Amino acid sequence: MTKGDAATTSPDKAKKPSLEKTRESWIQVLKFTLLSLSAAGIEAGSFFLFGLIVPFWSYAVRHVISVTLSVLWNFTLNRRYTFKSANNVPIAMLKVALFYVIFIPVTAWLGDMAARAGVLEVIVKIATMLLNFVGEFLWWKLVVFRGSENTNKLAKVQQAKKQAQVKRKLM
C-alpha cells in the first residue's frame, strides 16, 4: 500500500468489513445459543426421564445416552443454520466424535463421582451442560466447520440476496 492509497481510503470503508464480521459473529453466537437451548432440553429431559423410567441406571449411563441424543440434534441444526456448512457430514461427525471421545467419559466419570458423593444430580448436570456448551461451540467453530462456514445452499441464497440489495443501492 502506497502513501497515496492510504490517503484515498476512507476510515469508514476500512472499518465496515470488520464491523460486519463482528456483527455476523455475534449473530452466530446467538443462533448457536438458541439452538443449543433446544439440545439442552433434549439432554436434560432424557437424562431425568431415564432417571424415572430406569432408576437403577447410574448417573454415567444416563449421561452418556442423554449427551449423545443432544449432540446429534445440535449438530444437525447448527451445521445447517449457524455455521451453514456444506462440508462432508461423515468427516464433520468424526471431528465431533473426537471431542466427545474425551468429553463424555471424563464428565460421566466425574459426574458419577460427584453424584455418589452426594452432590445433587441437577447441579452436576447443569455444570456439565455449561461446560459442554462452551467447549462445543469452540470446537465446532475452530475445528469441525473451520473453512466450510457459509458454504451450504442457505448461505448462498442469503449471499445472493445481499448482493442484489447492494446492486439496488448502487442504481
Protein backbone atom coordinates (compact mmCIF):
# COMPACT_ATOMS: atom_id res chain seq x y z
CA MET A 1 0.00 0.00 0.00
CA THR A 2 1.46 3.37 -1.01
CA LYS A 3 1.02 6.69 0.75
CA GLY A 4 -1.41 7.78 -1.95
CA ASP A 5 -3.56 4.69 -1.34
CA ALA A 6 -3.82 5.43 2.37
CA ALA A 7 -4.98 8.96 1.67
CA THR A 8 -7.76 7.84 -0.69
CA THR A 9 -9.11 5.11 1.59
CA SER A 10 -11.72 6.46 3.96
CA PRO A 11 -11.62 5.23 7.57
CA ASP A 12 -15.31 4.31 7.37
CA LYS A 13 -14.73 1.90 4.49
CA ALA A 14 -11.79 0.29 6.28
CA LYS A 15 -13.97 -0.38 9.36
CA LYS A 16 -17.04 -1.78 7.58
CA PRO A 17 -15.71 -5.28 6.87
CA SER A 18 -14.59 -5.74 10.48
CA LEU A 19 -17.87 -4.35 11.83
CA GLU A 20 -19.83 -6.66 9.51
CA LYS A 21 -17.67 -9.60 10.57
CA THR A 22 -18.21 -8.76 14.25
CA ARG A 23 -21.96 -8.47 13.69
CA GLU A 24 -22.04 -11.84 11.90
CA SER A 25 -20.02 -13.43 14.72
CA TRP A 26 -22.49 -12.19 17.34
CA ILE A 27 -25.42 -13.44 15.28
CA GLN A 28 -23.67 -16.81 15.02
CA VAL A 29 -23.18 -16.96 18.81
CA LEU A 30 -26.85 -16.05 19.32
CA LYS A 31 -28.04 -18.73 16.87
CA PHE A 32 -25.78 -21.33 18.46
CA THR A 33 -27.08 -20.40 21.91
CA LEU A 34 -30.75 -20.59 20.91
CA LEU A 35 -30.35 -23.89 19.07
CA SER A 36 -28.27 -25.27 21.93
CA LEU A 37 -31.10 -24.48 24.32
CA SER A 38 -33.26 -26.94 22.39
CA ALA A 39 -30.46 -29.50 22.65
CA ALA A 40 -30.19 -28.77 26.38
CA GLY A 41 -33.89 -29.56 26.70
CA ILE A 42 -33.32 -32.90 24.99
CA GLU A 43 -30.30 -33.67 27.15
CA ALA A 44 -31.86 -32.69 30.48
CA GLY A 45 -35.25 -34.13 29.60
CA SER A 46 -33.91 -37.51 28.52
CA PHE A 47 -31.48 -37.65 31.47
CA PHE A 48 -34.18 -37.07 34.07
CA LEU A 49 -36.73 -39.20 32.20
CA PHE A 50 -34.31 -42.13 32.25
CA GLY A 51 -33.93 -41.50 35.98
CA LEU A 52 -37.68 -42.02 36.39
CA ILE A 53 -38.10 -44.90 33.96
CA VAL A 54 -34.88 -46.78 34.71
CA PRO A 55 -33.93 -45.66 38.23
CA PHE A 56 -31.23 -48.32 38.62
CA TRP A 57 -29.13 -46.81 35.81
CA SER A 58 -26.18 -44.89 37.14
CA TYR A 59 -25.55 -41.22 36.50
CA ALA A 60 -22.88 -42.18 33.95
CA VAL A 61 -25.18 -44.37 31.83
CA ARG A 62 -27.94 -41.75 31.71
CA HIS A 63 -25.36 -39.04 30.99
CA VAL A 64 -23.80 -40.85 28.03
CA ILE A 65 -27.18 -41.51 26.38
CA SER A 66 -28.56 -38.01 27.01
CA VAL A 67 -25.42 -36.24 25.74
CA THR A 68 -25.38 -38.42 22.62
CA LEU A 69 -29.02 -37.56 21.82
CA SER A 70 -28.32 -33.89 22.42
CA VAL A 71 -25.22 -33.85 20.22
CA LEU A 72 -26.97 -35.49 17.27
CA TRP A 73 -29.77 -32.92 17.46
CA ASN A 74 -27.44 -29.96 17.99
CA PHE A 75 -25.03 -30.99 15.23
CA THR A 76 -27.84 -31.29 12.70
CA LEU A 77 -29.34 -27.88 13.48
CA ASN A 78 -26.14 -25.92 13.96
CA ARG A 79 -24.48 -27.34 10.87
CA ARG A 80 -27.33 -26.02 8.74
CA TYR A 81 -28.41 -22.79 10.44
CA THR A 82 -25.48 -21.48 12.50
CA PHE A 83 -22.37 -22.50 10.58
CA LYS A 84 -24.17 -23.01 7.25
CA SER A 85 -21.68 -25.67 6.29
CA ALA A 86 -21.78 -27.91 3.23
CA ASN A 87 -18.77 -29.94 4.34
CA ASN A 88 -18.65 -33.72 4.28
CA VAL A 89 -21.04 -34.92 7.02
CA PRO A 90 -19.16 -38.14 7.93
CA ILE A 91 -15.87 -36.23 8.28
CA ALA A 92 -17.56 -33.49 10.33
CA MET A 93 -19.15 -36.13 12.57
CA LEU A 94 -15.77 -37.80 13.07
CA LYS A 95 -14.36 -34.46 14.21
CA VAL A 96 -17.29 -34.04 16.59
CA ALA A 97 -16.72 -37.58 17.84
CA LEU A 98 -13.09 -36.72 18.65
CA PHE A 99 -14.33 -34.07 21.09
CA TYR A 100 -16.84 -36.41 22.71
CA VAL A 101 -14.47 -39.38 22.95
CA ILE A 102 -12.77 -37.30 25.64
CA PHE A 103 -15.64 -35.17 26.95
CA ILE A 104 -18.25 -37.88 27.59
CA PRO A 105 -16.08 -40.36 29.54
CA VAL A 106 -14.47 -37.62 31.65
CA THR A 107 -17.75 -35.90 32.50
CA ALA A 108 -19.52 -39.23 33.06
CA TRP A 109 -16.79 -40.35 35.46
CA LEU A 110 -16.59 -37.01 37.30
CA GLY A 111 -20.38 -36.62 37.33
CA ASP A 112 -20.83 -40.13 38.70
CA MET A 113 -18.24 -39.44 41.41
CA ALA A 114 -19.98 -36.18 42.35
CA ALA A 115 -23.43 -37.81 42.39
CA ARG A 116 -22.16 -40.65 44.61
CA ALA A 117 -20.58 -38.08 46.91
CA GLY A 118 -24.00 -36.54 47.45
CA VAL A 119 -23.91 -33.59 45.04
CA LEU A 120 -27.36 -33.08 43.57
CA GLU A 121 -27.53 -34.53 40.06
CA VAL A 122 -29.24 -31.36 38.87
CA ILE A 123 -26.19 -29.31 39.87
CA VAL A 124 -23.81 -31.79 38.25
CA LYS A 125 -25.86 -31.88 35.06
CA ILE A 126 -26.10 -28.08 34.79
CA ALA A 127 -22.34 -27.69 35.27
CA THR A 128 -21.66 -30.38 32.66
CA MET A 129 -24.07 -28.83 30.18
CA LEU A 130 -22.48 -25.38 30.54
CA LEU A 131 -19.02 -26.85 30.04
CA ASN A 132 -20.29 -28.75 27.01
CA PHE A 133 -21.93 -25.61 25.56
CA VAL A 134 -18.71 -23.56 25.62
CA GLY A 135 -16.42 -26.41 24.57
CA GLU A 136 -18.74 -27.50 21.79
CA PHE A 137 -19.02 -24.02 20.27
CA LEU A 138 -15.26 -23.50 20.28
CA TRP A 139 -14.52 -26.99 18.91
CA TRP A 140 -17.15 -26.74 16.17
CA LYS A 141 -16.16 -23.19 15.19
CA LEU A 142 -12.38 -23.74 15.22
CA VAL A 143 -12.11 -27.38 14.18
CA VAL A 144 -15.24 -29.00 12.75
CA PHE A 145 -16.54 -26.23 10.49
CA ARG A 146 -13.34 -24.25 10.01
CA GLY A 147 -13.03 -23.24 6.38
CA SER A 148 -16.50 -24.50 5.47
CA GLU A 149 -18.76 -21.89 7.05
CA ASN A 150 -21.33 -20.22 4.80
CA THR A 151 -20.99 -22.83 2.05
CA ASN A 152 -24.41 -24.52 2.06
CA LYS A 153 -27.44 -23.62 -0.07
CA LEU A 154 -28.96 -21.47 2.67
CA ALA A 155 -25.80 -19.34 2.88
CA LYS A 156 -25.61 -18.98 -0.90
CA VAL A 157 -29.21 -17.78 -1.08
CA GLN A 158 -28.52 -15.22 1.66
CA GLN A 159 -25.35 -14.06 -0.11
CA ALA A 160 -27.26 -13.64 -3.38
CA LYS A 161 -29.90 -11.54 -1.59
CA LYS A 162 -27.20 -9.30 -0.10
CA GLN A 163 -25.57 -8.83 -3.49
CA ALA A 164 -28.93 -7.93 -5.04
CA GLN A 165 -29.52 -5.35 -2.30
CA VAL A 166 -26.09 -3.81 -2.91
CA LYS A 167 -26.81 -3.62 -6.65
CA ARG A 168 -30.14 -1.89 -5.98
CA LYS A 169 -28.46 0.68 -3.75
CA LEU A 170 -25.89 1.44 -6.42
CA MET A 171 -28.54 2.05 -9.07
